[in-house]
Amino acid sequence: MHSFPVKWILFEIKKTLLRALSSAGSEHLPYKQGVTGSNPVGPTSTKISFSRDWEAFSFFGYNIGTTILFLFLLHLVQAYTASSLKLIDKIIDWLYALDKNKKRIKTVYYLKDTQVAIAIILFFIIIGIVLYSIYDAGFPWYVSLIFIFLLSVGIFYLLIQITLEERKTKNQTSVEPIESIGLNFNRIVLDNIYYVLRGFEKIDVEKTAIDDFYSVLTQRFKETEAEIHFISMNWVELRYVLEKFKEKCGVEYSTFEKSNKLFLDGKHVTAKKLSNNGLRKHPDKYFTDKIDICFPK
């Protein structure tokens, strides 16, 4: 089965042949044919017949040549178009791969290790340029050694400062607000502790009522504006009371600090002060016995 171009070629050749043959047979003669007499007529000249055949052949050849040339050009256009499409597809694939690798390279570039490596490479390049400049300027060799020594001292000092700053930031405790201390005690237990502290005059009753004491230790801070103010109390005694809360409910010293609700003699209670100042000596046994009675066993 022929493809479309071959069919079209055959059709054009057939059409051209028929046109040439029909035009050659239907043309008028250049002379008028008459009835010959009894005398025989001499042979006619073949120039006219040869001219007609040449015209038909020329017409046929011109059409065939034009058709073949057109088909050849069409084939070139088709081949060029197919090649162009393939080339465009390849270019698109390259661009897509480049974009994909660009994202990967960008991700790798922003890694900490990659930036450190780039910084080290640039540092050595700069050092090499400086040393070459010193050598090219004609300075003595010990000038380069002095430069390297001073540079090493500067880098060492910078590393020490960075390390100290990191440790300082790491050791600093960020005080973040919490919602509540969240002691899981009933009202009777906390009221008894309040009465014991009030009996020892260890709590400022003017600033801290019994309801304030309970709400600070159990409720959300958004629900109350109360505060607990301890007075005439050392850090050892305060640590002992809060240590009982820690043992029974698992509340850390940092929780009391972050609450910003506990004060001793007007100073904010911190975990550092409880840990350092609260270990210097033991509280009085009479005080500890009274506190122990308040907590359920």
C-alpha atoms as a PDB file:
ATOM      1  CA  MET A   1       0.000   0.000   0.000  1.00  0.00           C
ATOM      2  CA  HIS A   2       1.494   3.325  -1.120  1.00  0.00           C
ATOM      3  CA  SER A   3       1.933   6.182   1.208  1.00  0.00           C
ATOM      4  CA  PHE A   4       0.424   9.565   0.507  1.00  0.00           C
ATOM      5  CA  PRO A   5       3.463  11.130  -1.301  1.00  0.00           C
ATOM      6  CA  VAL A   6       3.878   8.102  -3.603  1.00  0.00           C
ATOM      7  CA  LYS A   7       0.182   8.087  -4.487  1.00  0.00           C
ATOM      8  CA  TRP A   8       0.330  11.752  -5.212  1.00  0.00           C
ATOM      9  CA  ILE A   9       3.414  11.299  -7.456  1.00  0.00           C
ATOM     10  CA  LEU A  10       1.706   8.539  -9.455  1.00  0.00           C
ATOM     11  CA  PHE A  11      -1.404  10.642  -9.772  1.00  0.00           C
ATOM     12  CA  GLU A  12       0.569  13.665 -11.042  1.00  0.00           C
ATOM     13  CA  ILE A  13       2.508  11.509 -13.555  1.00  0.00           C
ATOM     14  CA  LYS A  14      -0.705   9.979 -14.871  1.00  0.00           C
ATOM     15  CA  LYS A  15      -2.397  13.360 -15.142  1.00  0.00           C
ATOM     16  CA  THR A  16       0.596  14.826 -16.985  1.00  0.00           C
ATOM     17  CA  LEU A  17       0.723  11.951 -19.494  1.00  0.00           C
ATOM     18  CA  LEU A  18      -2.965  12.208 -20.283  1.00  0.00           C
ATOM     19  CA  ARG A  19      -2.714  15.957 -20.720  1.00  0.00           C
ATOM     20  CA  ALA A  20       0.250  15.591 -23.081  1.00  0.00           C
ATOM     21  CA  LEU A  21      -1.398  12.922 -25.195  1.00  0.00           C
ATOM     22  CA  SER A  22      -4.719  14.717 -25.441  1.00  0.00           C
ATOM     23  CA  SER A  23      -3.096  18.009 -26.435  1.00  0.00           C
ATOM     24  CA  ALA A  24      -0.999  16.288 -29.113  1.00  0.00           C
ATOM     25  CA  GLY A  25      -3.996  14.611 -30.786  1.00  0.00           C
ATOM     26  CA  SER A  26      -6.442  17.483 -30.633  1.00  0.00           C
ATOM     27  CA  GLU A  27      -4.300  20.256 -32.115  1.00  0.00           C
ATOM     28  CA  HIS A  28      -5.298  21.667 -35.540  1.00  0.00           C
ATOM     29  CA  LEU A  29      -3.097  20.955 -38.526  1.00  0.00           C
ATOM     30  CA  PRO A  30      -1.262  23.914 -40.004  1.00  0.00           C
ATOM     31  CA  TYR A  31      -2.550  23.089 -43.469  1.00  0.00           C
ATOM     32  CA  LYS A  32      -5.914  22.151 -44.877  1.00  0.00           C
ATOM     33  CA  GLN A  33      -6.273  18.555 -45.920  1.00  0.00           C
ATOM     34  CA  GLY A  34      -7.750  18.091 -49.354  1.00  0.00           C
ATOM     35  CA  VAL A  35      -8.923  15.150 -51.486  1.00  0.00           C
ATOM     36  CA  THR A  36      -6.082  13.774 -53.419  1.00  0.00           C
ATOM     37  CA  GLY A  37      -6.480  12.953 -57.095  1.00  0.00           C
ATOM     38  CA  SER A  38      -5.390   9.949 -59.045  1.00  0.00           C
ATOM     39  CA  ASN A  39      -1.800  11.032 -58.817  1.00  0.00           C
ATOM     40  CA  PRO A  40       0.016   9.861 -55.657  1.00  0.00           C
ATOM     41  CA  VAL A  41       0.993  12.479 -53.132  1.00  0.00           C
ATOM     42  CA  GLY A  42       4.524  12.783 -51.973  1.00  0.00           C
ATOM     43  CA  PRO A  43       5.578  12.197 -48.351  1.00  0.00           C
ATOM     44  CA  THR A  44       4.960  15.027 -45.928  1.00  0.00           C
ATOM     45  CA  SER A  45       7.702  16.555 -43.815  1.00  0.00           C
ATOM     46  CA  THR A  46       8.336  15.090 -40.326  1.00  0.00           C
ATOM     47  CA  LYS A  47       9.451  18.397 -38.766  1.00  0.00           C
ATOM     48  CA  ILE A  48       5.940  19.253 -37.666  1.00  0.00           C
ATOM     49  CA  SER A  49       5.422  15.816 -36.058  1.00  0.00           C
ATOM     50  CA  PHE A  50       8.800  16.001 -34.295  1.00  0.00           C
ATOM     51  CA  SER A  51       7.966  19.487 -33.010  1.00  0.00           C
ATOM     52  CA  ARG A  52       4.688  18.278 -31.598  1.00  0.00           C
ATOM     53  CA  ASP A  53       6.331  15.324 -29.884  1.00  0.00           C
ATOM     54  CA  TRP A  54       9.048  17.522 -28.413  1.00  0.00           C
ATOM     55  CA  GLU A  55       6.488  19.959 -27.068  1.00  0.00           C
ATOM     56  CA  ALA A  56       4.562  17.110 -25.465  1.00  0.00           C
ATOM     57  CA  PHE A  57       7.738  15.620 -24.032  1.00  0.00           C
ATOM     58  CA  SER A  58       8.912  19.008 -22.769  1.00  0.00           C
ATOM     59  CA  PHE A  59       5.569  19.707 -21.161  1.00  0.00           C
ATOM     60  CA  PHE A  60       5.560  16.248 -19.584  1.00  0.00           C
ATOM     61  CA  GLY A  61       9.176  16.571 -18.389  1.00  0.00           C
ATOM     62  CA  TYR A  62       8.594  20.032 -16.962  1.00  0.00           C
ATOM     63  CA  ASN A  63       5.622  18.854 -14.921  1.00  0.00           C
ATOM     64  CA  ILE A  64       7.405  15.728 -13.725  1.00  0.00           C
ATOM     65  CA  GLY A  65      10.521  17.712 -12.750  1.00  0.00           C
ATOM     66  CA  THR A  66       8.477  20.306 -10.920  1.00  0.00           C
ATOM     67  CA  THR A  67       6.593  17.604  -9.064  1.00  0.00           C
ATOM     68  CA  ILE A  68       9.767  15.767  -8.053  1.00  0.00           C
ATOM     69  CA  LEU A  69      11.406  19.030  -6.956  1.00  0.00           C
ATOM     70  CA  PHE A  70       8.362  19.963  -4.904  1.00  0.00           C
ATOM     71  CA  LEU A  71       8.269  16.529  -3.308  1.00  0.00           C
ATOM     72  CA  PHE A  72      11.983  16.725  -2.556  1.00  0.00           C
ATOM     73  CA  LEU A  73      11.534  20.102  -0.895  1.00  0.00           C
ATOM     74  CA  LEU A  74       8.541  18.748   1.014  1.00  0.00           C
ATOM     75  CA  HIS A  75      10.633  15.808   2.195  1.00  0.00           C
ATOM     76  CA  LEU A  76      13.364  18.201   3.349  1.00  0.00           C
ATOM     77  CA  VAL A  77      10.802  20.282   5.242  1.00  0.00           C
ATOM     78  CA  GLN A  78       9.371  17.180   6.905  1.00  0.00           C
ATOM     79  CA  ALA A  79      12.832  15.909   7.858  1.00  0.00           C
ATOM     80  CA  TYR A  80      13.856  19.340   9.145  1.00  0.00           C
ATOM     81  CA  THR A  81      10.606  19.617  11.132  1.00  0.00           C
ATOM     82  CA  ALA A  82      11.084  16.180  12.700  1.00  0.00           C
ATOM     83  CA  SER A  83      14.699  16.983  13.552  1.00  0.00           C
ATOM     84  CA  SER A  84      13.658  20.354  14.968  1.00  0.00           C
ATOM     85  CA  LEU A  85      11.031  18.722  17.167  1.00  0.00           C
ATOM     86  CA  LYS A  86      13.553  16.197  18.436  1.00  0.00           C
ATOM     87  CA  LEU A  87      16.033  18.977  19.101  1.00  0.00           C
ATOM     88  CA  ILE A  88      13.395  21.001  20.963  1.00  0.00           C
ATOM     89  CA  ASP A  89      12.526  17.942  23.064  1.00  0.00           C
ATOM     90  CA  LYS A  90      16.189  17.487  23.930  1.00  0.00           C
ATOM     91  CA  ILE A  91      16.546  21.158  24.842  1.00  0.00           C
ATOM     92  CA  ILE A  92      13.483  20.926  27.104  1.00  0.00           C
ATOM     93  CA  ASP A  93      14.911  17.797  28.746  1.00  0.00           C
ATOM     94  CA  TRP A  94      18.213  19.603  29.328  1.00  0.00           C
ATOM     95  CA  LEU A  95      16.465  22.620  30.819  1.00  0.00           C
ATOM     96  CA  TYR A  96      14.362  20.390  33.090  1.00  0.00           C
ATOM     97  CA  ALA A  97      17.458  18.495  34.249  1.00  0.00           C
ATOM     98  CA  LEU A  98      19.282  21.799  34.809  1.00  0.00           C
ATOM     99  CA  ASP A  99      16.413  23.145  36.920  1.00  0.00           C
ATOM    100  CA  LYS A 100      16.310  19.921  38.945  1.00  0.00           C
ATOM    101  CA  ASN A 101      20.059  19.999  39.533  1.00  0.00           C
ATOM    102  CA  LYS A 102      19.836  23.705  40.354  1.00  0.00           C
ATOM    103  CA  LYS A 103      17.407  22.986  43.193  1.00  0.00           C
ATOM    104  CA  ARG A 104      19.640  20.159  44.413  1.00  0.00           C
ATOM    105  CA  ILE A 105      22.736  22.372  44.266  1.00  0.00           C
ATOM    106  CA  LYS A 106      20.878  25.146  46.083  1.00  0.00           C
ATOM    107  CA  THR A 107      19.862  22.718  48.830  1.00  0.00           C
ATOM    108  CA  VAL A 108      23.419  21.454  49.220  1.00  0.00           C
ATOM    109  CA  TYR A 109      24.779  25.014  49.168  1.00  0.00           C
ATOM    110  CA  TYR A 110      22.708  26.090  52.163  1.00  0.00           C
ATOM    111  CA  LEU A 111      23.956  23.206  54.313  1.00  0.00           C
ATOM    112  CA  LYS A 112      26.161  24.322  57.189  1.00  0.00           C
ATOM    113  CA  ASP A 113      29.018  21.980  56.260  1.00  0.00           C
ATOM    114  CA  THR A 114      29.011  23.223  52.664  1.00  0.00           C
ATOM    115  CA  GLN A 115      29.221  26.852  53.724  1.00  0.00           C
ATOM    116  CA  VAL A 116      32.057  26.058  56.139  1.00  0.00           C
ATOM    117  CA  ALA A 117      33.962  24.254  53.360  1.00  0.00           C
ATOM    118  CA  ILE A 118      33.453  27.186  50.972  1.00  0.00           C
ATOM    119  CA  ALA A 119      34.621  29.620  53.655  1.00  0.00           C
ATOM    120  CA  ILE A 120      37.778  27.568  54.278  1.00  0.00           C
ATOM    121  CA  ILE A 121      38.550  27.370  50.549  1.00  0.00           C
ATOM    122  CA  LEU A 122      38.097  31.136  50.121  1.00  0.00           C
ATOM    123  CA  PHE A 123      40.222  31.740  53.218  1.00  0.00           C
ATOM    124  CA  PHE A 124      43.149  29.729  51.825  1.00  0.00           C
ATOM    125  CA  ILE A 125      42.780  31.433  48.442  1.00  0.00           C
ATOM    126  CA  ILE A 126      43.015  34.857  50.092  1.00  0.00           C
ATOM    127  CA  ILE A 127      45.999  33.741  52.195  1.00  0.00           C
ATOM    128  CA  GLY A 128      47.731  32.459  49.068  1.00  0.00           C
ATOM    129  CA  ILE A 129      47.137  35.757  47.269  1.00  0.00           C
ATOM    130  CA  VAL A 130      48.537  37.752  50.217  1.00  0.00           C
ATOM    131  CA  LEU A 131      51.621  35.546  50.536  1.00  0.00           C
ATOM    132  CA  TYR A 132      52.269  35.771  46.795  1.00  0.00           C
ATOM    133  CA  SER A 133      51.895  39.559  46.951  1.00  0.00           C
ATOM    134  CA  ILE A 134      54.460  39.703  49.778  1.00  0.00           C
ATOM    135  CA  TYR A 135      56.844  37.522  47.792  1.00  0.00           C
ATOM    136  CA  ASP A 136      56.270  39.466  44.568  1.00  0.00           C
ATOM    137  CA  ALA A 137      56.888  42.787  46.349  1.00  0.00           C
ATOM    138  CA  GLY A 138      60.348  41.594  47.363  1.00  0.00           C
ATOM    139  CA  PHE A 139      59.887  41.560  51.144  1.00  0.00           C
ATOM    140  CA  PRO A 140      62.113  39.263  53.251  1.00  0.00           C
ATOM    141  CA  TRP A 141      60.906  35.736  53.933  1.00  0.00           C
ATOM    142  CA  TYR A 142      60.310  36.385  57.637  1.00  0.00           C
ATOM    143  CA  VAL A 143      57.585  38.925  56.777  1.00  0.00           C
ATOM    144  CA  SER A 144      55.460  36.018  55.567  1.00  0.00           C
ATOM    145  CA  LEU A 145      56.095  34.160  58.819  1.00  0.00           C
ATOM    146  CA  ILE A 146      55.074  37.210  60.862  1.00  0.00           C
ATOM    147  CA  PHE A 147      51.875  37.499  58.834  1.00  0.00           C
ATOM    148  CA  ILE A 148      51.043  33.798  59.325  1.00  0.00           C
ATOM    149  CA  PHE A 149      51.751  34.029  63.076  1.00  0.00           C
ATOM    150  CA  LEU A 150      49.527  37.086  63.577  1.00  0.00           C
ATOM    151  CA  LEU A 151      46.792  35.494  61.498  1.00  0.00           C
ATOM    152  CA  SER A 152      46.927  32.296  63.571  1.00  0.00           C
ATOM    153  CA  VAL A 153      46.695  34.279  66.816  1.00  0.00           C
ATOM    154  CA  GLY A 154      43.703  36.195  65.493  1.00  0.00           C
ATOM    155  CA  ILE A 155      41.891  33.006  64.413  1.00  0.00           C
ATOM    156  CA  PHE A 156      42.620  31.334  67.755  1.00  0.00           C
ATOM    157  CA  TYR A 157      41.229  34.338  69.649  1.00  0.00           C
ATOM    158  CA  LEU A 158      38.125  34.398  67.467  1.00  0.00           C
ATOM    159  CA  LEU A 159      37.461  30.688  68.066  1.00  0.00           C
ATOM    160  CA  ILE A 160      37.782  31.181  71.824  1.00  0.00           C
ATOM    161  CA  GLN A 161      35.285  34.050  71.763  1.00  0.00           C
ATOM    162  CA  ILE A 162      32.796  32.047  69.693  1.00  0.00           C
ATOM    163  CA  THR A 163      33.083  29.046  72.033  1.00  0.00           C
ATOM    164  CA  LEU A 164      32.569  31.217  75.120  1.00  0.00           C
ATOM    165  CA  GLU A 165      29.537  32.865  73.562  1.00  0.00           C
ATOM    166  CA  GLU A 166      27.998  29.496  72.704  1.00  0.00           C
ATOM    167  CA  ARG A 167      28.520  28.205  76.231  1.00  0.00           C
ATOM    168  CA  LYS A 168      27.099  31.373  77.701  1.00  0.00           C
ATOM    169  CA  THR A 169      23.989  31.077  75.544  1.00  0.00           C
ATOM    170  CA  LYS A 170      23.662  27.396  76.380  1.00  0.00           C
ATOM    171  CA  ASN A 171      23.918  27.970  80.125  1.00  0.00           C
ATOM    172  CA  GLN A 172      21.373  30.757  80.150  1.00  0.00           C
ATOM    173  CA  THR A 173      17.957  29.366  80.997  1.00  0.00           C
ATOM    174  CA  SER A 174      15.213  30.909  78.942  1.00  0.00           C
ATOM    175  CA  VAL A 175      12.319  31.734  81.236  1.00  0.00           C
ATOM    176  CA  GLU A 176       9.195  30.843  79.303  1.00  0.00           C
ATOM    177  CA  PRO A 177       5.756  31.510  80.765  1.00  0.00           C
ATOM    178  CA  ILE A 178       3.716  28.502  81.864  1.00  0.00           C
ATOM    179  CA  GLU A 179      -0.005  28.159  82.322  1.00  0.00           C
ATOM    180  CA  SER A 180      -0.091  26.918  85.901  1.00  0.00           C
ATOM    181  CA  ILE A 181       1.905  25.212  88.651  1.00  0.00           C
ATOM    182  CA  GLY A 182      -0.759  22.526  88.691  1.00  0.00           C
ATOM    183  CA  LEU A 183      -0.483  21.039  92.182  1.00  0.00           C
ATOM    184  CA  ASN A 184      -2.844  18.119  92.584  1.00  0.00           C
ATOM    185  CA  PHE A 185      -3.833  18.702  96.195  1.00  0.00           C
ATOM    186  CA  ASN A 186      -7.236  19.184  97.741  1.00  0.00           C
ATOM    187  CA  ARG A 187      -8.131  22.395  99.471  1.00  0.00           C
ATOM    188  CA  ILE A 188      -7.681  21.031 102.994  1.00  0.00           C
ATOM    189  CA  VAL A 189      -4.012  20.126 102.486  1.00  0.00           C
ATOM    190  CA  LEU A 190      -3.093  23.518 101.070  1.00  0.00           C
ATOM    191  CA  ASP A 191      -5.095  25.336 103.753  1.00  0.00           C
ATOM    192  CA  ASN A 192      -3.185  23.463 106.466  1.00  0.00           C
ATOM    193  CA  ILE A 193       0.143  24.412 104.891  1.00  0.00           C
ATOM    194  CA  TYR A 194      -0.975  28.034 104.754  1.00  0.00           C
ATOM    195  CA  TYR A 195      -1.959  28.006 108.435  1.00  0.00           C
ATOM    196  CA  VAL A 196       1.394  26.503 109.443  1.00  0.00           C
ATOM    197  CA  LEU A 197       3.290  29.153 107.476  1.00  0.00           C
ATOM    198  CA  ARG A 198       1.103  31.881 108.925  1.00  0.00           C
ATOM    199  CA  GLY A 199       1.696  30.518 112.434  1.00  0.00           C
ATOM    200  CA  PHE A 200       5.448  30.763 111.900  1.00  0.00           C
ATOM    201  CA  GLU A 201       4.922  34.216 110.363  1.00  0.00           C
ATOM    202  CA  LYS A 202       6.544  32.978 107.175  1.00  0.00           C
ATOM    203  CA  ILE A 203       3.914  34.400 104.855  1.00  0.00           C
ATOM    204  CA  ASP A 204       2.687  37.943 104.301  1.00  0.00           C
ATOM    205  CA  VAL A 205      -1.018  37.713 105.082  1.00  0.00           C
ATOM    206  CA  GLU A 206      -1.671  41.224 103.772  1.00  0.00           C
ATOM    207  CA  LYS A 207      -0.462  40.347 100.280  1.00  0.00           C
ATOM    208  CA  THR A 208      -1.327  36.651 100.282  1.00  0.00           C
ATOM    209  CA  ALA A 209      -4.702  35.491 101.565  1.00  0.00           C
ATOM    210  CA  ILE A 210      -5.615  31.838 101.937  1.00  0.00           C
ATOM    211  CA  ASP A 211      -7.569  31.915  98.686  1.00  0.00           C
ATOM    212  CA  ASP A 212      -4.583  33.492  96.934  1.00  0.00           C
ATOM    213  CA  PHE A 213      -2.321  30.720  98.214  1.00  0.00           C
ATOM    214  CA  TYR A 214      -4.657  28.041  96.849  1.00  0.00           C
ATOM    215  CA  SER A 215      -5.338  29.710  93.485  1.00  0.00           C
ATOM    216  CA  VAL A 216      -1.639  30.321  92.695  1.00  0.00           C
ATOM    217  CA  LEU A 217      -0.734  26.688  93.335  1.00  0.00           C
ATOM    218  CA  THR A 218      -3.696  25.063  91.567  1.00  0.00           C
ATOM    219  CA  GLN A 219      -5.362  27.402  89.061  1.00  0.00           C
ATOM    220  CA  ARG A 220      -4.277  28.839  85.727  1.00  0.00           C
ATOM    221  CA  PHE A 221      -2.427  32.100  85.966  1.00  0.00           C
ATOM    222  CA  LYS A 222      -4.851  33.706  83.521  1.00  0.00           C
ATOM    223  CA  GLU A 223      -7.669  33.041  85.968  1.00  0.00           C
ATOM    224  CA  THR A 224      -6.043  34.777  88.941  1.00  0.00           C
ATOM    225  CA  GLU A 225      -3.808  37.747  89.669  1.00  0.00           C
ATOM    226  CA  ALA A 226      -2.813  36.474  93.113  1.00  0.00           C
ATOM    227  CA  GLU A 227       0.789  36.065  94.295  1.00  0.00           C
ATOM    228  CA  ILE A 228       2.487  34.266  97.190  1.00  0.00           C
ATOM    229  CA  HIS A 229       4.777  36.440  99.301  1.00  0.00           C
ATOM    230  CA  PHE A 230       6.986  34.633 101.808  1.00  0.00           C
ATOM    231  CA  ILE A 231       8.613  36.708 104.566  1.00  0.00           C
ATOM    232  CA  SER A 232      11.066  36.111 107.443  1.00  0.00           C
ATOM    233  CA  MET A 233      11.981  32.858 105.798  1.00  0.00           C
ATOM    234  CA  ASN A 234      15.377  31.654 104.654  1.00  0.00           C
ATOM    235  CA  TRP A 235      16.074  29.785 101.432  1.00  0.00           C
ATOM    236  CA  VAL A 236      16.560  26.509 103.302  1.00  0.00           C
ATOM    237  CA  GLU A 237      13.037  26.597 104.741  1.00  0.00           C
ATOM    238  CA  LEU A 238      11.489  27.651 101.458  1.00  0.00           C
ATOM    239  CA  ARG A 239      13.369  24.902  99.630  1.00  0.00           C
ATOM    240  CA  TYR A 240      12.049  22.341 102.130  1.00  0.00           C
ATOM    241  CA  VAL A 241       8.421  23.381 101.539  1.00  0.00           C
ATOM    242  CA  LEU A 242       8.772  23.418  97.751  1.00  0.00           C
ATOM    243  CA  GLU A 243      10.711  20.134  97.868  1.00  0.00           C
ATOM    244  CA  LYS A 244       7.606  18.542  99.389  1.00  0.00           C
ATOM    245  CA  PHE A 245       5.561  19.762  96.429  1.00  0.00           C
ATOM    246  CA  LYS A 246       8.220  18.330  94.116  1.00  0.00           C
ATOM    247  CA  GLU A 247       8.140  14.916  95.825  1.00  0.00           C
ATOM    248  CA  LYS A 248       4.353  14.624  95.878  1.00  0.00           C
ATOM    249  CA  CYS A 249       3.468  16.181  92.510  1.00  0.00           C
ATOM    250  CA  GLY A 250       6.712  16.189  90.510  1.00  0.00           C
ATOM    251  CA  VAL A 251       6.873  19.974  90.223  1.00  0.00           C
ATOM    252  CA  GLU A 252      10.385  21.246  89.415  1.00  0.00           C
ATOM    253  CA  TYR A 253      11.995  24.372  90.820  1.00  0.00           C
ATOM    254  CA  SER A 254      11.994  25.865  87.331  1.00  0.00           C
ATOM    255  CA  THR A 255       8.187  25.665  87.312  1.00  0.00           C
ATOM    256  CA  PHE A 256       7.963  27.889  90.374  1.00  0.00           C
ATOM    257  CA  GLU A 257      10.435  30.263  88.759  1.00  0.00           C
ATOM    258  CA  LYS A 258       8.544  30.465  85.457  1.00  0.00           C
ATOM    259  CA  SER A 259       5.273  31.138  87.226  1.00  0.00           C
ATOM    260  CA  ASN A 260       6.528  34.573  88.377  1.00  0.00           C
ATOM    261  CA  LYS A 261       4.112  34.212  91.290  1.00  0.00           C
ATOM    262  CA  LEU A 262       6.417  33.333  94.204  1.00  0.00           C
ATOM    263  CA  PHE A 263       8.440  35.957  96.127  1.00  0.00           C
ATOM    264  CA  LEU A 264      10.718  35.831  99.152  1.00  0.00           C
ATOM    265  CA  ASP A 265      11.133  39.151 100.949  1.00  0.00           C
ATOM    266  CA  GLY A 266      10.083  40.924  97.757  1.00  0.00           C
ATOM    267  CA  LYS A 267      12.577  39.046  95.553  1.00  0.00           C
ATOM    268  CA  HIS A 268      11.580  36.692  92.822  1.00  0.00           C
ATOM    269  CA  VAL A 269      12.083  33.006  93.640  1.00  0.00           C
ATOM    270  CA  THR A 270      14.437  31.348  91.128  1.00  0.00           C
ATOM    271  CA  ALA A 271      15.575  27.773  90.663  1.00  0.00           C
ATOM    272  CA  LYS A 272      19.231  28.806  90.935  1.00  0.00           C
ATOM    273  CA  LYS A 273      18.755  30.395  94.348  1.00  0.00           C
ATOM    274  CA  LEU A 274      16.784  27.412  95.592  1.00  0.00           C
ATOM    275  CA  SER A 275      19.510  25.035  94.432  1.00  0.00           C
ATOM    276  CA  ASN A 276      22.504  27.037  95.694  1.00  0.00           C
ATOM    277  CA  ASN A 277      21.286  28.829  98.829  1.00  0.00           C
ATOM    278  CA  GLY A 278      18.939  26.066  99.943  1.00  0.00           C
ATOM    279  CA  LEU A 279      21.742  23.553 100.620  1.00  0.00           C
ATOM    280  CA  ARG A 280      23.846  25.525 103.051  1.00  0.00           C
ATOM    281  CA  LYS A 281      22.201  24.121 106.207  1.00  0.00           C
ATOM    282  CA  HIS A 282      19.204  22.143 107.398  1.00  0.00           C
ATOM    283  CA  PRO A 283      15.975  23.798 108.546  1.00  0.00           C
ATOM    284  CA  ASP A 284      14.790  23.583 112.137  1.00  0.00           C
ATOM    285  CA  LYS A 285      13.268  20.201 113.059  1.00  0.00           C
ATOM    286  CA  TYR A 286      10.230  21.759 114.658  1.00  0.00           C
ATOM    287  CA  PHE A 287       9.492  23.590 111.401  1.00  0.00           C
ATOM    288  CA  THR A 288       9.971  20.470 109.273  1.00  0.00           C
ATOM    289  CA  ASP A 289       7.740  18.369 111.542  1.00  0.00           C
ATOM    290  CA  LYS A 290       4.904  20.864 111.267  1.00  0.00           C
ATOM    291  CA  ILE A 291       5.234  20.904 107.462  1.00  0.00           C
ATOM    292  CA  ASP A 292       5.389  17.102 107.244  1.00  0.00           C
ATOM    293  CA  ILE A 293       2.106  16.726 109.147  1.00  0.00           C
ATOM    294  CA  CYS A 294       0.285  18.730 106.470  1.00  0.00           C
ATOM    295  CA  PHE A 295       1.135  16.357 103.636  1.00  0.00           C
ATOM    296  CA  PRO A 296      -0.737  13.069 103.321  1.00  0.00           C
ATOM    297  CA  LYS A 297       1.330   9.903 103.562  1.00  0.00           C
END
